[in-house]
């Protein structure tokens, strides 16, 4: 009888906790969990050779014709590495552009996934 009473008390307290704290989709149940993808945003800045930056963050890391991985350096100094599909989109945009190397101004739309910029679209600026 004592075990049944304790189980009933535990269930009652659990139900009270659920009623007292309604579920909020904006707040994950696990407080350590974070949302990874955000809404689409746009950024402007300079394309950076991401491999060069990984090797030497102090270097300008201008884009060359052999650059395969890219990053975006914004005017406020924020750096974001592009995802694999974003690298392909940048390479395609560069192949169709007059400017193919150097400090290339771009506008990028996409979303952040942790430290990675997931690119939806990229536009080379003149």
N, C-alpha and C. Protein backbone atom coordinates (compact mmCIF):
# COMPACT_ATOMS: atom_id res chain seq x y z
N UNK A 1 0.82 -1.19 0.00
CA UNK A 1 0.00 0.00 0.00
C UNK A 1 0.87 1.26 0.00
N UNK A 2 1.95 1.21 0.75
CA UNK A 2 2.84 2.36 0.85
C UNK A 2 3.48 2.66 -0.51
N UNK A 3 3.86 1.64 -1.27
CA UNK A 3 4.46 1.81 -2.60
C UNK A 3 3.47 2.47 -3.56
N UNK A 4 2.21 2.04 -3.51
CA UNK A 4 1.19 2.61 -4.38
C UNK A 4 0.97 4.08 -4.05
N UNK A 5 0.99 4.42 -2.79
CA UNK A 5 0.83 5.82 -2.37
C UNK A 5 1.98 6.67 -2.87
N UNK A 6 3.21 6.17 -2.77
CA UNK A 6 4.38 6.91 -3.25
C UNK A 6 4.33 7.09 -4.77
N UNK A 7 3.91 6.07 -5.49
CA UNK A 7 3.81 6.17 -6.95
C UNK A 7 2.74 7.20 -7.31
N UNK A 8 1.62 7.17 -6.64
CA UNK A 8 0.54 8.12 -6.91
C UNK A 8 0.99 9.54 -6.61
N UNK A 9 1.74 9.71 -5.51
CA UNK A 9 2.25 11.02 -5.15
C UNK A 9 3.24 11.53 -6.21
N UNK A 10 4.11 10.63 -6.69
CA UNK A 10 5.06 11.00 -7.74
C UNK A 10 4.36 11.42 -9.02
N UNK A 11 3.35 10.68 -9.43
CA UNK A 11 2.58 11.02 -10.63
C UNK A 11 1.87 12.36 -10.45
N UNK A 12 1.32 12.60 -9.28
CA UNK A 12 0.62 13.86 -9.02
C UNK A 12 1.58 15.03 -9.11
N UNK A 13 2.76 14.90 -8.53
CA UNK A 13 3.74 15.98 -8.58
C UNK A 13 4.23 16.22 -10.01
N UNK A 14 4.39 15.15 -10.77
CA UNK A 14 4.79 15.29 -12.18
C UNK A 14 3.72 16.04 -12.96
N UNK A 15 2.46 15.69 -12.74
CA UNK A 15 1.36 16.36 -13.45
C UNK A 15 1.27 17.83 -13.05
N UNK A 16 1.49 18.13 -11.79
CA UNK A 16 1.47 19.52 -11.34
C UNK A 16 2.58 20.30 -12.04
N UNK A 17 3.76 19.68 -12.16
CA UNK A 17 4.88 20.33 -12.84
C UNK A 17 4.57 20.62 -14.30
N UNK A 18 3.87 19.72 -14.96
CA UNK A 18 3.52 19.93 -16.36
C UNK A 18 2.47 21.01 -16.51
N UNK A 19 1.53 21.07 -15.58
CA UNK A 19 0.49 22.08 -15.64
C UNK A 19 1.06 23.45 -15.30
N UNK A 20 1.94 23.51 -14.32
CA UNK A 20 2.50 24.78 -13.89
C UNK A 20 3.45 25.38 -14.93
N UNK A 21 4.02 24.54 -15.78
CA UNK A 21 4.98 25.03 -16.77
C UNK A 21 4.53 24.53 -18.16
N UNK A 22 3.67 25.28 -18.85
CA UNK A 22 3.21 24.84 -20.17
C UNK A 22 4.35 24.80 -21.17
N UNK A 23 4.22 23.94 -22.15
CA UNK A 23 5.25 23.77 -23.17
C UNK A 23 5.36 25.01 -24.04
N UNK A 24 6.58 25.47 -24.25
CA UNK A 24 6.85 26.64 -25.08
C UNK A 24 7.78 26.20 -26.20
N UNK A 25 7.32 26.19 -27.48
CA UNK A 25 8.16 25.71 -28.58
C UNK A 25 9.42 26.54 -28.78
N UNK A 26 9.44 27.77 -28.28
CA UNK A 26 10.63 28.60 -28.43
C UNK A 26 11.72 28.22 -27.43
N UNK A 27 11.34 27.48 -26.39
CA UNK A 27 12.31 27.07 -25.37
C UNK A 27 12.42 25.55 -25.39
N UNK A 28 13.57 25.01 -25.75
CA UNK A 28 13.72 23.56 -25.79
C UNK A 28 13.63 22.97 -24.38
N UNK A 29 13.15 21.74 -24.28
CA UNK A 29 13.05 21.06 -23.00
C UNK A 29 14.42 20.88 -22.36
N UNK A 30 15.43 20.64 -23.18
CA UNK A 30 16.79 20.48 -22.68
C UNK A 30 17.44 21.86 -22.70
N UNK A 31 17.67 22.48 -21.54
CA UNK A 31 18.21 23.84 -21.55
C UNK A 31 19.59 23.94 -22.18
N UNK A 32 20.33 22.84 -22.28
CA UNK A 32 21.65 22.86 -22.91
C UNK A 32 21.57 22.79 -24.42
N UNK A 33 20.40 22.44 -24.96
CA UNK A 33 20.24 22.31 -26.40
C UNK A 33 20.10 23.68 -27.03
N UNK A 34 20.61 23.82 -28.24
CA UNK A 34 20.47 25.09 -28.96
C UNK A 34 19.90 24.83 -30.33
N UNK A 35 19.23 25.83 -30.85
CA UNK A 35 18.71 25.75 -32.21
C UNK A 35 19.89 25.94 -33.15
N UNK A 36 19.97 25.17 -34.25
CA UNK A 36 21.12 25.28 -35.13
C UNK A 36 20.85 26.14 -36.34
N UNK A 37 19.70 26.06 -36.90
CA UNK A 37 19.42 26.85 -38.11
C UNK A 37 18.53 28.03 -37.75
N UNK A 38 18.78 29.15 -38.37
CA UNK A 38 17.99 30.34 -38.13
C UNK A 38 17.31 30.75 -39.42
N UNK A 39 16.53 31.81 -39.33
CA UNK A 39 15.88 32.34 -40.51
C UNK A 39 16.92 32.85 -41.50
N UNK A 40 16.51 32.95 -42.76
CA UNK A 40 17.40 33.46 -43.80
C UNK A 40 17.76 34.91 -43.53
N UNK A 41 19.04 35.21 -43.68
CA UNK A 41 19.55 36.56 -43.49
C UNK A 41 20.45 36.90 -44.67
N UNK A 42 20.87 38.15 -44.75
CA UNK A 42 21.79 38.58 -45.80
C UNK A 42 22.99 39.26 -45.17
N UNK A 43 24.15 39.02 -45.77
CA UNK A 43 25.40 39.64 -45.33
C UNK A 43 26.14 40.17 -46.54
N UNK A 44 26.91 41.23 -46.36
CA UNK A 44 27.80 41.75 -47.39
C UNK A 44 29.21 41.77 -46.81
N UNK A 45 30.16 41.54 -47.68
CA UNK A 45 31.54 41.55 -47.23
C UNK A 45 32.50 41.14 -48.32
N UNK A 46 33.65 40.67 -47.89
CA UNK A 46 34.73 40.26 -48.80
C UNK A 46 34.90 38.75 -48.72
N UNK A 47 35.04 38.12 -49.89
CA UNK A 47 35.34 36.69 -49.92
C UNK A 47 36.76 36.45 -49.44
N UNK A 48 36.94 35.40 -48.66
CA UNK A 48 38.24 35.02 -48.12
C UNK A 48 38.52 33.57 -48.51
N UNK A 49 39.79 33.26 -48.78
CA UNK A 49 40.21 31.87 -48.98
C UNK A 49 40.24 31.22 -47.60
N UNK A 50 39.30 30.32 -47.32
CA UNK A 50 39.14 29.74 -45.98
C UNK A 50 40.32 28.87 -45.59
N UNK A 51 40.92 28.16 -46.54
CA UNK A 51 42.09 27.33 -46.22
C UNK A 51 43.27 28.20 -45.81
N UNK A 52 43.46 29.31 -46.50
CA UNK A 52 44.53 30.25 -46.17
C UNK A 52 44.29 30.81 -44.77
N UNK A 53 43.06 31.20 -44.48
CA UNK A 53 42.75 31.78 -43.16
C UNK A 53 42.97 30.78 -42.05
N UNK A 54 42.65 29.52 -42.31
CA UNK A 54 42.85 28.48 -41.29
C UNK A 54 44.34 28.32 -40.98
N UNK A 55 45.17 28.51 -42.00
CA UNK A 55 46.62 28.38 -41.82
C UNK A 55 47.24 29.64 -41.20
N UNK A 56 46.71 30.83 -41.56
CA UNK A 56 47.29 32.09 -41.08
C UNK A 56 46.20 33.16 -41.05
N UNK A 57 45.58 33.35 -39.89
CA UNK A 57 44.47 34.30 -39.75
C UNK A 57 44.92 35.74 -39.96
N UNK A 58 46.21 36.03 -39.88
CA UNK A 58 46.70 37.40 -40.06
C UNK A 58 46.87 37.76 -41.53
N UNK A 59 46.90 36.76 -42.41
CA UNK A 59 47.07 37.00 -43.85
C UNK A 59 45.77 37.56 -44.43
N UNK A 60 45.87 38.32 -45.52
CA UNK A 60 44.67 38.86 -46.19
C UNK A 60 43.83 37.74 -46.79
N UNK A 61 44.49 36.67 -47.23
CA UNK A 61 43.82 35.49 -47.78
C UNK A 61 42.90 35.82 -48.95
N UNK A 62 43.45 36.54 -49.91
CA UNK A 62 42.68 36.89 -51.11
C UNK A 62 42.33 35.62 -51.90
N UNK A 63 41.22 35.69 -52.59
CA UNK A 63 40.76 34.58 -53.42
C UNK A 63 41.66 34.45 -54.65
N UNK A 64 42.02 33.21 -54.97
CA UNK A 64 42.79 32.93 -56.19
C UNK A 64 41.95 32.03 -57.09
N UNK A 65 42.47 31.75 -58.26
CA UNK A 65 41.73 30.86 -59.18
C UNK A 65 41.69 29.43 -58.67
N UNK A 66 42.55 29.07 -57.71
CA UNK A 66 42.57 27.71 -57.17
C UNK A 66 41.83 27.59 -55.84
N UNK A 67 41.26 28.68 -55.33
CA UNK A 67 40.53 28.64 -54.07
C UNK A 67 39.31 27.73 -54.20
N UNK A 68 39.18 26.81 -53.23
CA UNK A 68 38.06 25.86 -53.25
C UNK A 68 37.13 26.03 -52.06
N UNK A 69 37.65 26.54 -50.94
CA UNK A 69 36.81 26.77 -49.77
C UNK A 69 36.84 28.26 -49.44
N UNK A 70 35.66 28.80 -49.17
CA UNK A 70 35.52 30.24 -49.01
C UNK A 70 34.96 30.60 -47.64
N UNK A 71 35.25 31.82 -47.25
CA UNK A 71 34.68 32.41 -46.06
C UNK A 71 34.23 33.81 -46.41
N UNK A 72 33.45 34.41 -45.54
CA UNK A 72 32.97 35.77 -45.72
C UNK A 72 33.46 36.61 -44.55
N UNK A 73 34.16 37.70 -44.86
CA UNK A 73 34.62 38.66 -43.86
C UNK A 73 33.74 39.90 -43.98
N UNK A 74 32.95 40.20 -42.95
CA UNK A 74 32.07 41.37 -43.00
C UNK A 74 32.85 42.62 -42.61
N UNK A 75 32.26 43.77 -42.85
CA UNK A 75 32.94 45.05 -42.56
C UNK A 75 33.18 45.25 -41.07
N UNK A 76 32.38 44.59 -40.23
CA UNK A 76 32.59 44.72 -38.78
C UNK A 76 33.58 43.68 -38.24
N UNK A 77 34.23 42.94 -39.14
CA UNK A 77 35.27 42.01 -38.75
C UNK A 77 34.82 40.59 -38.47
N UNK A 78 33.53 40.32 -38.59
CA UNK A 78 33.03 38.96 -38.35
C UNK A 78 33.41 38.06 -39.52
N UNK A 79 33.86 36.85 -39.21
CA UNK A 79 34.24 35.88 -40.23
C UNK A 79 33.33 34.66 -40.15
N UNK A 80 32.83 34.22 -41.30
CA UNK A 80 31.97 33.05 -41.37
C UNK A 80 32.47 32.14 -42.49
N UNK A 81 32.69 30.88 -42.16
CA UNK A 81 33.09 29.91 -43.17
C UNK A 81 31.83 29.41 -43.88
N UNK A 82 31.92 29.24 -45.20
CA UNK A 82 30.77 28.80 -45.99
C UNK A 82 30.68 27.28 -46.00
N UNK A 83 29.46 26.77 -46.12
CA UNK A 83 29.24 25.34 -46.21
C UNK A 83 29.67 24.81 -47.58
N UNK A 84 29.70 23.50 -47.74
CA UNK A 84 30.18 22.86 -48.98
C UNK A 84 29.37 23.31 -50.19
N UNK A 85 28.05 23.34 -50.07
CA UNK A 85 27.21 23.78 -51.20
C UNK A 85 27.44 25.26 -51.49
N UNK A 86 27.68 26.05 -50.44
CA UNK A 86 27.99 27.47 -50.61
C UNK A 86 29.28 27.69 -51.37
N UNK A 87 30.29 26.85 -51.10
CA UNK A 87 31.55 26.93 -51.83
C UNK A 87 31.32 26.71 -53.33
N UNK A 88 30.47 25.74 -53.67
CA UNK A 88 30.17 25.48 -55.08
C UNK A 88 29.42 26.65 -55.70
N UNK A 89 28.52 27.27 -54.95
CA UNK A 89 27.77 28.42 -55.46
C UNK A 89 28.69 29.62 -55.70
N UNK A 90 29.64 29.83 -54.78
CA UNK A 90 30.61 30.92 -54.96
C UNK A 90 31.48 30.65 -56.18
N UNK A 91 31.97 29.42 -56.32
CA UNK A 91 32.82 29.08 -57.47
C UNK A 91 32.06 29.31 -58.76
N UNK A 92 30.79 28.93 -58.84
CA UNK A 92 29.97 29.14 -60.04
C UNK A 92 29.79 30.63 -60.31
N UNK A 93 29.56 31.41 -59.25
CA UNK A 93 29.41 32.86 -59.43
C UNK A 93 30.71 33.48 -59.91
N UNK A 94 31.83 33.04 -59.39
CA UNK A 94 33.13 33.56 -59.83
C UNK A 94 33.42 33.19 -61.27
N UNK A 95 33.08 31.97 -61.66
CA UNK A 95 33.31 31.53 -63.04
C UNK A 95 32.53 32.38 -64.03
N UNK A 96 31.37 32.89 -63.61
CA UNK A 96 30.55 33.74 -64.48
C UNK A 96 30.81 35.23 -64.30
N UNK A 97 31.83 35.58 -63.53
CA UNK A 97 32.11 36.97 -63.22
C UNK A 97 33.38 37.46 -63.92
N UNK A 98 33.46 38.76 -64.13
CA UNK A 98 34.67 39.35 -64.69
C UNK A 98 35.78 39.29 -63.64
N UNK A 99 35.43 39.56 -62.38
CA UNK A 99 36.39 39.52 -61.29
C UNK A 99 36.45 38.10 -60.75
N UNK A 100 37.63 37.48 -60.78
CA UNK A 100 37.77 36.10 -60.35
C UNK A 100 38.76 35.93 -59.20
N UNK A 101 39.59 36.93 -58.94
CA UNK A 101 40.60 36.83 -57.90
C UNK A 101 40.71 38.14 -57.13
N UNK A 102 41.38 38.07 -55.98
CA UNK A 102 41.63 39.27 -55.19
C UNK A 102 40.62 39.43 -54.07
N UNK A 103 40.42 40.67 -53.68
CA UNK A 103 39.43 41.00 -52.66
C UNK A 103 38.10 41.24 -53.37
N UNK A 104 37.23 40.27 -53.28
CA UNK A 104 35.99 40.29 -54.04
C UNK A 104 34.82 40.59 -53.11
N UNK A 105 34.09 41.67 -53.41
CA UNK A 105 32.91 42.04 -52.63
C UNK A 105 31.74 41.18 -53.07
N UNK A 106 31.02 40.66 -52.06
CA UNK A 106 29.86 39.82 -52.35
C UNK A 106 28.71 40.14 -51.38
N UNK A 107 27.54 39.69 -51.79
CA UNK A 107 26.37 39.70 -50.94
C UNK A 107 25.91 38.25 -50.87
N UNK A 108 25.70 37.76 -49.65
CA UNK A 108 25.35 36.36 -49.45
C UNK A 108 24.08 36.28 -48.62
N UNK A 109 23.16 35.42 -49.03
CA UNK A 109 21.98 35.16 -48.21
C UNK A 109 22.01 33.70 -47.78
N UNK A 110 21.53 33.45 -46.59
CA UNK A 110 21.53 32.10 -46.06
C UNK A 110 21.20 32.11 -44.58
N UNK A 111 21.64 31.08 -43.88
CA UNK A 111 21.37 30.97 -42.46
C UNK A 111 22.61 30.39 -41.77
N UNK A 112 22.70 30.65 -40.49
CA UNK A 112 23.81 30.14 -39.71
C UNK A 112 23.45 28.78 -39.12
N UNK A 113 24.40 27.86 -39.18
CA UNK A 113 24.28 26.56 -38.54
C UNK A 113 25.51 26.43 -37.67
N UNK A 114 25.41 26.86 -36.44
CA UNK A 114 26.58 26.92 -35.56
C UNK A 114 27.51 28.01 -36.06
N UNK A 115 28.73 27.63 -36.42
CA UNK A 115 29.72 28.58 -36.94
C UNK A 115 29.73 28.62 -38.47
N UNK A 116 28.93 27.78 -39.11
CA UNK A 116 28.94 27.63 -40.57
C UNK A 116 27.81 28.44 -41.20
N UNK A 117 28.13 29.15 -42.28
CA UNK A 117 27.13 29.90 -43.05
C UNK A 117 26.60 28.98 -44.15
N UNK A 118 25.34 28.62 -44.05
CA UNK A 118 24.67 27.78 -45.04
C UNK A 118 24.11 28.72 -46.11
N UNK A 119 24.71 28.68 -47.30
CA UNK A 119 24.44 29.65 -48.34
C UNK A 119 23.22 29.26 -49.18
N UNK A 120 22.29 30.21 -49.32
CA UNK A 120 21.18 30.05 -50.24
C UNK A 120 21.54 30.64 -51.59
N UNK A 121 22.14 31.85 -51.57
CA UNK A 121 22.50 32.53 -52.81
C UNK A 121 23.69 33.45 -52.55
N UNK A 122 24.47 33.67 -53.61
CA UNK A 122 25.61 34.56 -53.55
C UNK A 122 25.60 35.45 -54.77
N UNK A 123 25.94 36.72 -54.58
CA UNK A 123 25.98 37.66 -55.70
C UNK A 123 27.30 38.45 -55.61
N UNK A 124 28.05 38.42 -56.71
CA UNK A 124 29.29 39.20 -56.79
C UNK A 124 28.90 40.65 -56.99
N UNK A 125 29.48 41.55 -56.21
CA UNK A 125 29.20 42.99 -56.34
C UNK A 125 30.30 43.65 -57.14
N UNK A 126 29.92 44.61 -57.93
CA UNK A 126 30.89 45.32 -58.77
C UNK A 126 31.61 46.37 -58.00
